[in-house]
PDB file of N, CA and C in Angstrom:
ATOM      1  N   MET A   1      -9.149  35.790   2.930  1.00  0.00           N
ATOM      2  CA  MET A   1      -7.946  35.209   2.903  1.00  0.00           C
ATOM      3  C   MET A   1      -7.615  33.405   2.967  1.00  0.00           C
ATOM      4  N   GLU A   2      -7.602  32.929   2.441  1.00  0.00           N
ATOM      5  CA  GLU A   2      -7.036  31.578   3.471  1.00  0.00           C
ATOM      6  C   GLU A   2      -5.602  31.440   3.206  1.00  0.00           C
ATOM      7  N   ARG A   3      -5.205  30.815   4.121  1.00  0.00           N
ATOM      8  CA  ARG A   3      -4.039  30.463   4.743  1.00  0.00           C
ATOM      9  C   ARG A   3      -3.208  29.177   4.276  1.00  0.00           C
ATOM     10  N   GLY A   4      -1.932  29.040   4.266  1.00  0.00           N
ATOM     11  CA  GLY A   4      -1.809  27.706   3.986  1.00  0.00           C
ATOM     12  C   GLY A   4      -2.162  26.810   4.667  1.00  0.00           C
ATOM     13  N   SER A   5      -1.781  26.804   5.845  1.00  0.00           N
ATOM     14  CA  SER A   5      -2.351  25.681   7.004  1.00  0.00           C
ATOM     15  C   SER A   5      -3.505  25.485   7.019  1.00  0.00           C
ATOM     16  N   GLU A   6      -4.788  26.216   6.402  1.00  0.00           N
ATOM     17  CA  GLU A   6      -5.731  25.668   6.165  1.00  0.00           C
ATOM     18  C   GLU A   6      -5.798  24.933   5.186  1.00  0.00           C
ATOM     19  N   ARG A   7      -5.471  25.368   3.911  1.00  0.00           N
ATOM     20  CA  ARG A   7      -5.352  24.197   3.117  1.00  0.00           C
ATOM     21  C   ARG A   7      -4.851  23.174   3.079  1.00  0.00           C
ATOM     22  N   LEU A   8      -4.081  22.791   4.250  1.00  0.00           N
ATOM     23  CA  LEU A   8      -3.455  21.607   4.305  1.00  0.00           C
ATOM     24  C   LEU A   8      -4.424  20.183   5.412  1.00  0.00           C
ATOM     25  N   VAL A   9      -4.853  21.700   6.080  1.00  0.00           N
ATOM     26  CA  VAL A   9      -6.392  20.908   7.098  1.00  0.00           C
ATOM     27  C   VAL A   9      -7.194  20.527   5.717  1.00  0.00           C
ATOM     28  N   ALA A  10      -7.442  21.118   5.224  1.00  0.00           N
ATOM     29  CA  ALA A  10      -8.309  20.676   4.980  1.00  0.00           C
ATOM     30  C   ALA A  10      -7.793  19.269   3.397  1.00  0.00           C
ATOM     31  N   GLY A  11      -6.760  19.418   2.926  1.00  0.00           N
ATOM     32  CA  GLY A  11      -6.985  18.673   2.457  1.00  0.00           C
ATOM     33  C   GLY A  11      -6.251  17.171   3.312  1.00  0.00           C
ATOM     34  N   TRP A  12      -5.960  16.959   4.227  1.00  0.00           N
ATOM     35  CA  TRP A  12      -5.847  15.561   4.974  1.00  0.00           C
ATOM     36  C   TRP A  12      -7.588  15.171   5.045  1.00  0.00           C
ATOM     37  N   ARG A  13      -8.450  15.912   5.760  1.00  0.00           N
ATOM     38  CA  ARG A  13     -10.181  16.076   6.205  1.00  0.00           C
ATOM     39  C   ARG A  13     -10.495  15.308   4.634  1.00  0.00           C
ATOM     40  N   ASP A  14      -9.797  15.503   3.423  1.00  0.00           N
ATOM     41  CA  ASP A  14     -10.259  15.455   2.298  1.00  0.00           C
ATOM     42  C   ASP A  14     -10.008  14.144   1.657  1.00  0.00           C
ATOM     43  N   GLY A  15      -8.935  14.019   1.884  1.00  0.00           N
ATOM     44  CA  GLY A  15      -7.854  12.514   1.967  1.00  0.00           C
ATOM     45  C   GLY A  15      -7.206  11.771   2.982  1.00  0.00           C
ATOM     46  N   GLY A  16      -7.632  12.211   4.643  1.00  0.00           N
ATOM     47  CA  GLY A  16      -5.543  11.788   5.115  1.00  0.00           C
ATOM     48  C   GLY A  16      -7.131  10.782   5.772  1.00  0.00           C
ATOM     49  N   PHE A  17      -6.266  10.093   6.549  1.00  0.00           N
ATOM     50  CA  PHE A  17      -6.411   8.929   7.190  1.00  0.00           C
ATOM     51  C   PHE A  17      -4.898   8.563   8.154  1.00  0.00           C
ATOM     52  N   ALA A  18      -5.282   7.553   9.073  1.00  0.00           N
ATOM     53  CA  ALA A  18      -4.522   7.206   9.437  1.00  0.00           C
ATOM     54  C   ALA A  18      -4.194   5.463   9.652  1.00  0.00           C
ATOM     55  N   LEU A  19      -2.761   5.074   9.395  1.00  0.00           N
ATOM     56  CA  LEU A  19      -2.965   3.904   9.166  1.00  0.00           C
ATOM     57  C   LEU A  19      -3.448   2.402  10.878  1.00  0.00           C
ATOM     58  N   ASP A  20      -3.645   1.766  10.658  1.00  0.00           N
ATOM     59  CA  ASP A  20      -3.746   1.392  12.268  1.00  0.00           C
ATOM     60  C   ASP A  20      -3.126  -0.112  11.621  1.00  0.00           C
ATOM     61  N   GLU A  21      -3.006  -0.799  13.186  1.00  0.00           N
ATOM     62  CA  GLU A  21      -2.215  -1.624  13.669  1.00  0.00           C
ATOM     63  C   GLU A  21      -2.586  -3.568  12.264  1.00  0.00           C
ATOM     64  N   GLU A  22      -4.309  -3.260  12.326  1.00  0.00           N
ATOM     65  CA  GLU A  22      -4.671  -4.275  12.174  1.00  0.00           C
ATOM     66  C   GLU A  22      -4.338  -4.585  10.148  1.00  0.00           C
ATOM     67  N   LEU A  23      -4.485  -3.799   9.722  1.00  0.00           N
ATOM     68  CA  LEU A  23      -4.078  -3.049   7.940  1.00  0.00           C
ATOM     69  C   LEU A  23      -2.530  -3.589   8.046  1.00  0.00           C
ATOM     70  N   VAL A  24      -1.501  -2.415   8.774  1.00  0.00           N
ATOM     71  CA  VAL A  24      -0.185  -3.300   8.611  1.00  0.00           C
ATOM     72  C   VAL A  24       0.373  -4.649   9.349  1.00  0.00           C
ATOM     73  N   GLU A  25      -0.208  -4.521  10.261  1.00  0.00           N
ATOM     74  CA  GLU A  25      -0.554  -6.607  10.002  1.00  0.00           C
ATOM     75  C   GLU A  25      -0.893  -7.744   9.140  1.00  0.00           C
ATOM     76  N   ARG A  26      -1.730  -7.087   8.740  1.00  0.00           N
ATOM     77  CA  ARG A  26      -2.471  -8.074   7.098  1.00  0.00           C
ATOM     78  C   ARG A  26      -2.006  -7.486   6.496  1.00  0.00           C
ATOM     79  N   VAL A  27      -1.241  -6.276   5.873  1.00  0.00           N
ATOM     80  CA  VAL A  27      -0.470  -6.145   4.430  1.00  0.00           C
ATOM     81  C   VAL A  27       0.813  -6.759   5.114  1.00  0.00           C
ATOM     82  N   LEU A  28       1.860  -7.221   6.125  1.00  0.00           N
ATOM     83  CA  LEU A  28       2.599  -8.138   6.736  1.00  0.00           C
ATOM     84  C   LEU A  28       2.656  -9.261   5.872  1.00  0.00           C
ATOM     85  N   ARG A  29       1.667  -9.885   6.837  1.00  0.00           N
ATOM     86  CA  ARG A  29       1.297 -11.291   7.199  1.00  0.00           C
ATOM     87  C   ARG A  29       1.286 -11.299   5.356  1.00  0.00           C
ATOM     88  N   ILE A  30       0.458 -11.162   4.710  1.00  0.00           N
ATOM     89  CA  ILE A  30       0.274 -11.230   2.980  1.00  0.00           C
ATOM     90  C   ILE A  30       1.428 -11.062   2.573  1.00  0.00           C
ATOM     91  N   SER A  31       2.225 -10.147   3.102  1.00  0.00           N
ATOM     92  CA  SER A  31       3.734 -10.008   2.119  1.00  0.00           C
ATOM     93  C   SER A  31       4.545 -10.785   3.115  1.00  0.00           C
ATOM     94  N   SER A  32       5.513 -11.402   3.551  1.00  0.00           N
ATOM     95  CA  SER A  32       6.506 -11.814   4.622  1.00  0.00           C
ATOM     96  C   SER A  32       6.414 -13.438   3.821  1.00  0.00           C
ATOM     97  N   GLN A  33       5.735 -13.947   3.584  1.00  0.00           N
ATOM     98  CA  GLN A  33       6.511 -15.480   2.967  1.00  0.00           C
ATOM     99  C   GLN A  33       6.792 -15.341   1.495  1.00  0.00           C
ATOM    100  N   PHE A  34       7.505 -13.334   1.116  1.00  0.00           N
ATOM    101  CA  PHE A  34       8.295 -13.578  -0.048  1.00  0.00           C
ATOM    102  C   PHE A  34       9.453 -12.689   0.584  1.00  0.00           C
ATOM    103  N   ASP A  35      10.159 -12.395  -0.707  1.00  0.00           N
ATOM    104  CA  ASP A  35      10.882 -11.684  -0.654  1.00  0.00           C
ATOM    105  C   ASP A  35      10.730 -10.265  -0.730  1.00  0.00           C
ATOM    106  N   ILE A  36      11.089  -9.873   1.120  1.00  0.00           N
ATOM    107  CA  ILE A  36       9.995  -8.028   0.963  1.00  0.00           C
ATOM    108  C   ILE A  36      11.637  -6.986   0.583  1.00  0.00           C
ATOM    109  N   ASP A  37      11.916  -6.208  -0.718  1.00  0.00           N
ATOM    110  CA  ASP A  37      12.369  -5.270  -0.978  1.00  0.00           C
ATOM    111  C   ASP A  37      12.691  -4.447  -0.581  1.00  0.00           C
ATOM    112  N   ASP A  38      11.734  -3.820  -0.325  1.00  0.00           N
ATOM    113  CA  ASP A  38      11.435  -2.408   0.367  1.00  0.00           C
ATOM    114  C   ASP A  38       9.891  -2.237   0.842  1.00  0.00           C
ATOM    115  N   TRP A  39      10.208  -2.007   2.526  1.00  0.00           N
ATOM    116  CA  TRP A  39       8.860  -1.658   3.706  1.00  0.00           C
ATOM    117  C   TRP A  39       8.830  -0.116   4.287  1.00  0.00           C
ATOM    118  N   TYR A  40       7.976   0.943   4.082  1.00  0.00           N
ATOM    119  CA  TYR A  40       8.572   1.991   4.262  1.00  0.00           C
ATOM    120  C   TYR A  40       6.767   2.387   5.381  1.00  0.00           C
ATOM    121  N   ILE A  41       7.026   3.094   6.564  1.00  0.00           N
ATOM    122  CA  ILE A  41       6.005   3.654   6.874  1.00  0.00           C
ATOM    123  C   ILE A  41       6.113   5.295   7.559  1.00  0.00           C
ATOM    124  N   ALA A  42       5.495   6.010   7.374  1.00  0.00           N
ATOM    125  CA  ALA A  42       5.364   7.514   7.738  1.00  0.00           C
ATOM    126  C   ALA A  42       4.226   8.079   7.633  1.00  0.00           C
ATOM    127  N   GLY A  43       4.568   9.249   8.995  1.00  0.00           N
ATOM    128  CA  GLY A  43       3.798  10.002   8.713  1.00  0.00           C
ATOM    129  C   GLY A  43       4.497  10.447  10.736  1.00  0.00           C
ATOM    130  N   GLN A  44       3.528  11.459  11.100  1.00  0.00           N
ATOM    131  CA  GLN A  44       3.860  12.473  12.217  1.00  0.00           C
ATOM    132  C   GLN A  44       2.678  13.252  12.192  1.00  0.00           C
ATOM    133  N   PRO A  45       1.854  13.649  13.454  1.00  0.00           N
ATOM    134  CA  PRO A  45       1.963  12.144  14.550  1.00  0.00           C
ATOM    135  C   PRO A  45       1.253  11.174  14.669  1.00  0.00           C
ATOM    136  N   LYS A  46       0.809  11.022  13.559  1.00  0.00           N
ATOM    137  CA  LYS A  46      -0.024   9.732  12.943  1.00  0.00           C
ATOM    138  C   LYS A  46       0.506   9.171  11.687  1.00  0.00           C
ATOM    139  N   PRO A  47       0.993   7.825  11.574  1.00  0.00           N
ATOM    140  CA  PRO A  47       1.311   6.884  10.534  1.00  0.00           C
ATOM    141  C   PRO A  47       0.706   6.806   9.429  1.00  0.00           C
ATOM    142  N   ASP A  48       0.442   8.074   8.406  1.00  0.00           N
ATOM    143  CA  ASP A  48      -0.113   7.902   7.139  1.00  0.00           C
ATOM    144  C   ASP A  48       0.125   7.503   6.069  1.00  0.00           C
ATOM    145  N   LEU A  49       1.410   6.796   5.658  1.00  0.00           N
ATOM    146  CA  LEU A  49       1.405   6.417   4.564  1.00  0.00           C
ATOM    147  C   LEU A  49       2.174   4.878   4.320  1.00  0.00           C
ATOM    148  N   LEU A  50       2.339   4.092   4.304  1.00  0.00           N
ATOM    149  CA  LEU A  50       2.976   2.804   3.834  1.00  0.00           C
ATOM    150  C   LEU A  50       2.899   2.307   2.706  1.00  0.00           C
ATOM    151  N   ARG A  51       4.191   1.869   2.505  1.00  0.00           N
ATOM    152  CA  ARG A  51       4.764   1.878   1.078  1.00  0.00           C
ATOM    153  C   ARG A  51       5.399   0.179   1.421  1.00  0.00           C
ATOM    154  N   THR A  52       5.719  -0.562   0.627  1.00  0.00           N
ATOM    155  CA  THR A  52       6.109  -1.905   0.863  1.00  0.00           C
ATOM    156  C   THR A  52       5.690  -2.501  -1.296  1.00  0.00           C
ATOM    157  N   SER A  53       6.917  -3.350  -1.100  1.00  0.00           N
ATOM    158  CA  SER A  53       6.859  -4.180  -2.747  1.00  0.00           C
ATOM    159  C   SER A  53       8.141  -5.308  -2.116  1.00  0.00           C
ATOM    160  N   PHE A  54       6.954  -6.459  -2.639  1.00  0.00           N
ATOM    161  CA  PHE A  54       8.330  -7.645  -2.292  1.00  0.00           C
ATOM    162  C   PHE A  54       7.720  -8.680  -4.350  1.00  0.00           C
ATOM    163  N   ALA A  55       8.517  -9.728  -4.231  1.00  0.00           N
ATOM    164  CA  ALA A  55       8.654 -10.286  -5.831  1.00  0.00           C
ATOM    165  C   ALA A  55       8.324 -11.458  -5.436  1.00  0.00           C
ATOM    166  N   VAL A  56       6.619 -12.038  -6.463  1.00  0.00           N
ATOM    167  CA  VAL A  56       6.379 -12.810  -5.422  1.00  0.00           C
ATOM    168  C   VAL A  56       6.773 -14.302  -6.981  1.00  0.00           C
ATOM    169  N   LYS A  57       6.907 -15.209  -6.503  1.00  0.00           N
ATOM    170  CA  LYS A  57       7.479 -16.591  -7.520  1.00  0.00           C
ATOM    171  C   LYS A  57       6.442 -17.032  -8.481  1.00  0.00           C
ATOM    172  N   GLY A  58       6.239 -17.218  -9.542  1.00  0.00           N
ATOM    173  CA  GLY A  58       5.007 -17.873 -10.090  1.00  0.00           C
ATOM    174  C   GLY A  58       3.857 -16.986 -10.189  1.00  0.00           C
ATOM    175  N   VAL A  59       2.884 -17.413 -11.592  1.00  0.00           N
ATOM    176  CA  VAL A  59       1.406 -16.806 -11.823  1.00  0.00           C
ATOM    177  C   VAL A  59       0.825 -17.000 -10.898  1.00  0.00           C
ATOM    178  N   ASP A  60       1.221 -18.669 -11.072  1.00  0.00           N
ATOM    179  CA  ASP A  60      -0.701 -19.182  -9.262  1.00  0.00           C
ATOM    180  C   ASP A  60      -0.468 -18.302  -8.170  1.00  0.00           C
ATOM    181  N   ALA A  61       1.063 -18.555  -7.528  1.00  0.00           N
ATOM    182  CA  ALA A  61       0.998 -17.456  -6.445  1.00  0.00           C
ATOM    183  C   ALA A  61       0.318 -15.899  -6.171  1.00  0.00           C
ATOM    184  N   LEU A  62       1.050 -15.150  -7.541  1.00  0.00           N
ATOM    185  CA  LEU A  62       0.084 -13.562  -7.760  1.00  0.00           C
ATOM    186  C   LEU A  62      -1.548 -13.788  -7.884  1.00  0.00           C
ATOM    187  N   GLY A  63      -2.073 -14.541  -8.336  1.00  0.00           N
ATOM    188  CA  GLY A  63      -3.104 -14.536  -7.991  1.00  0.00           C
ATOM    189  C   GLY A  63      -3.766 -13.633  -6.461  1.00  0.00           C
ATOM    190  N   PRO A  64      -3.531 -15.208  -5.540  1.00  0.00           N
ATOM    191  CA  PRO A  64      -4.015 -15.046  -4.193  1.00  0.00           C
ATOM    192  C   PRO A  64      -3.433 -13.469  -3.127  1.00  0.00           C
ATOM    193  N   VAL A  65      -2.225 -13.503  -3.842  1.00  0.00           N
ATOM    194  CA  VAL A  65      -1.623 -12.598  -3.246  1.00  0.00           C
ATOM    195  C   VAL A  65      -2.495 -11.594  -3.462  1.00  0.00           C
ATOM    196  N   VAL A  66      -2.912 -10.982  -4.817  1.00  0.00           N
ATOM    197  CA  VAL A  66      -3.453  -9.519  -5.215  1.00  0.00           C
ATOM    198  C   VAL A  66      -4.840  -9.666  -4.810  1.00  0.00           C
ATOM    199  N   GLN A  67      -5.439 -10.842  -4.776  1.00  0.00           N
ATOM    200  CA  GLN A  67      -6.814 -10.795  -4.016  1.00  0.00           C
ATOM    201  C   GLN A  67      -6.935 -10.426  -2.712  1.00  0.00           C
ATOM    202  N   ASP A  68      -5.753 -10.763  -2.261  1.00  0.00           N
ATOM    203  CA  ASP A  68      -5.616 -11.007  -0.328  1.00  0.00           C
ATOM    204  C   ASP A  68      -5.180  -9.525  -0.306  1.00  0.00           C
ATOM    205  N   LEU A  69      -4.261  -8.733  -1.010  1.00  0.00           N
ATOM    206  CA  LEU A  69      -4.176  -7.337  -0.661  1.00  0.00           C
ATOM    207  C   LEU A  69      -5.354  -6.473  -1.111  1.00  0.00           C
ATOM    208  N   VAL A  70      -5.976  -6.851  -1.717  1.00  0.00           N
ATOM    209  CA  VAL A  70      -7.545  -6.223  -2.066  1.00  0.00           C
ATOM    210  C   VAL A  70      -8.095  -6.163  -1.324  1.00  0.00           C
ATOM    211  N   GLY A  71      -8.249  -7.304  -0.763  1.00  0.00           N
ATOM    212  CA  GLY A  71      -9.057  -7.320   0.565  1.00  0.00           C
ATOM    213  C   GLY A  71      -8.840  -6.947   1.549  1.00  0.00           C
ATOM    214  N   ALA A  72      -7.389  -6.840   1.965  1.00  0.00           N
ATOM    215  CA  ALA A  72      -7.027  -5.901   3.023  1.00  0.00           C
ATOM    216  C   ALA A  72      -7.365  -4.139   2.588  1.00  0.00           C
ATOM    217  N   LEU A  73      -6.954  -3.746   1.666  1.00  0.00           N
ATOM    218  CA  LEU A  73      -7.807  -2.225   1.637  1.00  0.00           C
ATOM    219  C   LEU A  73      -8.932  -2.053   1.327  1.00  0.00           C
ATOM    220  N   ASP A  74     -10.155  -3.092   1.212  1.00  0.00           N
ATOM    221  CA  ASP A  74     -11.428  -2.918   0.916  1.00  0.00           C
ATOM    222  C   ASP A  74     -11.914  -2.201   2.373  1.00  0.00           C
ATOM    223  N   GLY A  75     -12.776  -1.562   1.657  1.00  0.00           N
ATOM    224  CA  GLY A  75     -13.736  -0.611   3.082  1.00  0.00           C
ATOM    225  C   GLY A  75     -12.945   0.142   3.234  1.00  0.00           C
ATOM    226  N   LEU A  76     -11.820   0.560   2.894  1.00  0.00           N
ATOM    227  CA  LEU A  76     -10.874   1.937   4.089  1.00  0.00           C
ATOM    228  C   LEU A  76     -10.988   3.490   2.859  1.00  0.00           C
ATOM    229  N   GLY A  77     -11.900   3.641   1.989  1.00  0.00           N
ATOM    230  CA  GLY A  77     -12.139   4.732   1.032  1.00  0.00           C
ATOM    231  C   GLY A  77     -10.951   5.322   0.719  1.00  0.00           C
ATOM    232  N   LEU A  78     -10.251   4.598   0.331  1.00  0.00           N
ATOM    233  CA  LEU A  78      -8.501   5.335  -0.254  1.00  0.00           C
ATOM    234  C   LEU A  78      -9.276   6.359  -1.532  1.00  0.00           C
ATOM    235  N   GLY A  79      -9.356   6.363  -2.283  1.00  0.00           N
ATOM    236  CA  GLY A  79      -9.794   7.217  -3.360  1.00  0.00           C
ATOM    237  C   GLY A  79      -8.451   7.378  -3.896  1.00  0.00           C
ATOM    238  N   ARG A  80      -7.699   8.127  -4.222  1.00  0.00           N
ATOM    239  CA  ARG A  80      -6.469   8.755  -4.549  1.00  0.00           C
ATOM    240  C   ARG A  80      -5.209   8.253  -3.976  1.00  0.00           C
ATOM    241  N   ALA A  81      -5.591   7.598  -2.753  1.00  0.00           N
ATOM    242  CA  ALA A  81      -4.473   7.481  -1.359  1.00  0.00           C
ATOM    243  C   ALA A  81      -4.297   6.003  -1.780  1.00  0.00           C
ATOM    244  N   GLY A  82      -4.641   5.000  -2.593  1.00  0.00           N
ATOM    245  CA  GLY A  82      -4.182   4.005  -2.505  1.00  0.00           C
ATOM    246  C   GLY A  82      -3.518   3.438  -3.485  1.00  0.00           C
ATOM    247  N   GLY A  83      -3.025   2.298  -3.751  1.00  0.00           N
ATOM    248  CA  GLY A  83      -2.831   1.821  -5.003  1.00  0.00           C
ATOM    249  C   GLY A  83      -1.580   0.318  -5.077  1.00  0.00           C
ATOM    250  N   LEU A  84      -2.174  -0.619  -5.965  1.00  0.00           N
ATOM    251  CA  LEU A  84      -1.202  -1.716  -5.955  1.00  0.00           C
ATOM    252  C   LEU A  84      -0.783  -1.781  -7.601  1.00  0.00           C
ATOM    253  N   ARG A  85       0.238  -2.066  -7.643  1.00  0.00           N
ATOM    254  CA  ARG A  85       0.894  -2.430  -9.093  1.00  0.00           C
ATOM    255  C   ARG A  85       1.596  -2.925  -8.628  1.00  0.00           C
ATOM    256  N   VAL A  86       1.437  -4.259 -10.331  1.00  0.00           N
ATOM    257  CA  VAL A  86       1.635  -5.743 -10.503  1.00  0.00           C
ATOM    258  C   VAL A  86       3.121  -5.081 -11.819  1.00  0.00           C
ATOM    259  N   PHE A  87       4.456  -5.854 -11.683  1.00  0.00           N
ATOM    260  CA  PHE A  87       5.213  -5.338 -13.001  1.00  0.00           C
ATOM    261  C   PHE A  87       6.128  -7.576 -13.202  1.00  0.00           C
ATOM    262  N   PRO A  88       5.407  -7.467 -14.329  1.00  0.00           N
ATOM    263  CA  PRO A  88       5.978  -8.988 -14.281  1.00  0.00           C
ATOM    264  C   PRO A  88       7.953  -8.603 -14.973  1.00  0.00           C
ATOM    265  N   ARG A  89       8.638  -9.835 -15.027  1.00  0.00           N
ATOM    266  CA  ARG A  89       9.784  -9.576 -15.011  1.00  0.00           C
ATOM    267  C   ARG A  89      10.179 -11.266 -15.641  1.00  0.00           C
ATOM    268  N   GLY A  90      11.247 -10.913 -16.649  1.00  0.00           N
ATOM    269  CA  GLY A  90      11.693 -11.942 -16.828  1.00  0.00           C
ATOM    270  C   GLY A  90      10.605 -12.527 -18.815  1.00  0.00           C
ATOM    271  N   ILE A  91      11.501 -12.777 -19.915  1.00  0.00           N
ATOM    272  CA  ILE A  91      10.444 -13.450 -20.750  1.00  0.00           C
ATOM    273  C   ILE A  91      10.614 -15.258 -20.459  1.00  0.00           C
ATOM    274  N   PRO A  92       9.422 -15.806 -20.463  1.00  0.00           N
ATOM    275  CA  PRO A  92       8.435 -15.590 -19.999  1.00  0.00           C
ATOM    276  C   PRO A  92       8.149 -14.900 -18.866  1.00  0.00           C
ATOM    277  N   ALA A  93       7.555 -14.283 -17.705  1.00  0.00           N
ATOM    278  CA  ALA A  93       7.578 -13.235 -16.460  1.00  0.00           C
ATOM    279  C   ALA A  93       7.347 -15.191 -15.998  1.00  0.00           C
ATOM    280  N   ASP A  94       8.000 -15.106 -14.552  1.00  0.00           N
ATOM    281  CA  ASP A  94       8.476 -16.398 -13.526  1.00  0.00           C
ATOM    282  C   ASP A  94       8.399 -15.496 -12.117  1.00  0.00           C
ATOM    283  N   VAL A  95       8.800 -13.931 -12.391  1.00  0.00           N
ATOM    284  CA  VAL A  95       8.861 -13.589 -10.763  1.00  0.00           C
ATOM    285  C   VAL A  95       8.183 -12.150 -11.237  1.00  0.00           C
ATOM    286  N   PHE A  96       7.021 -11.828 -10.215  1.00  0.00           N
ATOM    287  CA  PHE A  96       6.230 -10.383 -10.596  1.00  0.00           C
ATOM    288  C   PHE A  96       6.738  -9.821  -9.201  1.00  0.00           C
ATOM    289  N   HIS A  97       7.227  -8.204  -9.563  1.00  0.00           N
ATOM    290  CA  HIS A  97       7.374  -7.557  -8.398  1.00  0.00           C
ATOM    291  C   HIS A  97       6.214  -7.065  -8.111  1.00  0.00           C
ATOM    292  N   VAL A  98       5.711  -7.181  -6.808  1.00  0.00           N
ATOM    293  CA  VAL A  98       4.627  -5.913  -6.621  1.00  0.00           C
ATOM    294  C   VAL A  98       4.787  -4.762  -5.612  1.00  0.00           C
ATOM    295  N   GLU A  99       4.499  -3.640  -5.975  1.00  0.00           N
ATOM    296  CA  GLU A  99       4.220  -2.700  -5.397  1.00  0.00           C
ATOM    297  C   GLU A  99       2.916  -2.217  -5.083  1.00  0.00           C
ATOM    298  N   LEU A 100       2.706  -1.877  -3.192  1.00  0.00           N
ATOM    299  CA  LEU A 100       2.047  -1.324  -2.679  1.00  0.00           C
ATOM    300  C   LEU A 100       1.832  -0.073  -1.939  1.00  0.00           C
ATOM    301  N   GLN A 101       1.329   0.939  -1.549  1.00  0.00           N
ATOM    302  CA  GLN A 101       1.082   2.053  -1.153  1.00  0.00           C
ATOM    303  C   GLN A 101       0.085   2.284  -1.029  1.00  0.00           C
ATOM    304  N   VAL A 102       0.234   2.046   0.370  1.00  0.00           N
ATOM    305  CA  VAL A 102      -1.174   3.202   1.086  1.00  0.00           C
ATOM    306  C   VAL A 102      -1.377   3.871   1.243  1.00  0.00           C
ATOM    307  N   GLY A 103      -2.069   5.410   1.593  1.00  0.00           N
ATOM    308  CA  GLY A 103      -1.608   6.962   1.851  1.00  0.00           C
ATOM    309  C   GLY A 103      -1.263   7.485   1.072  1.00  0.00           C
ATOM    310  N   ALA A 104      -0.933   8.975   0.781  1.00  0.00           N
ATOM    311  CA  ALA A 104      -0.504   9.954  -0.561  1.00  0.00           C
ATOM    312  C   ALA A 104       0.441  10.824   0.298  1.00  0.00           C
ATOM    313  N   ARG A 105       1.492  10.938  -0.128  1.00  0.00           N
ATOM    314  CA  ARG A 105       2.719  11.826   0.174  1.00  0.00           C
ATOM    315  C   ARG A 105       3.037  12.673  -0.924  1.00  0.00           C
TER     316      ARG A 105
END
């Protein structure tokens, strides 16, 4: 009979990872030039979730931001444990709400 704790450990091995300082610094460097709405890091004993959202003004600024964020996440092997969302605001869209999540809860 399998115990719940064994399932948790197996799930962590299959999809878990720890946030490293370099990744957090890269994401902060990319997002710090914008108005940050939310910044959240969680996980004990090791941080394994980063969630942030911020507003980017202008479509010309959005492309490089998305490219930089995808570059920061490249090679992490996140699978289902990561996501980047972009929501246009306004008609015509002049502000874009960017949400990034690394890790899963």
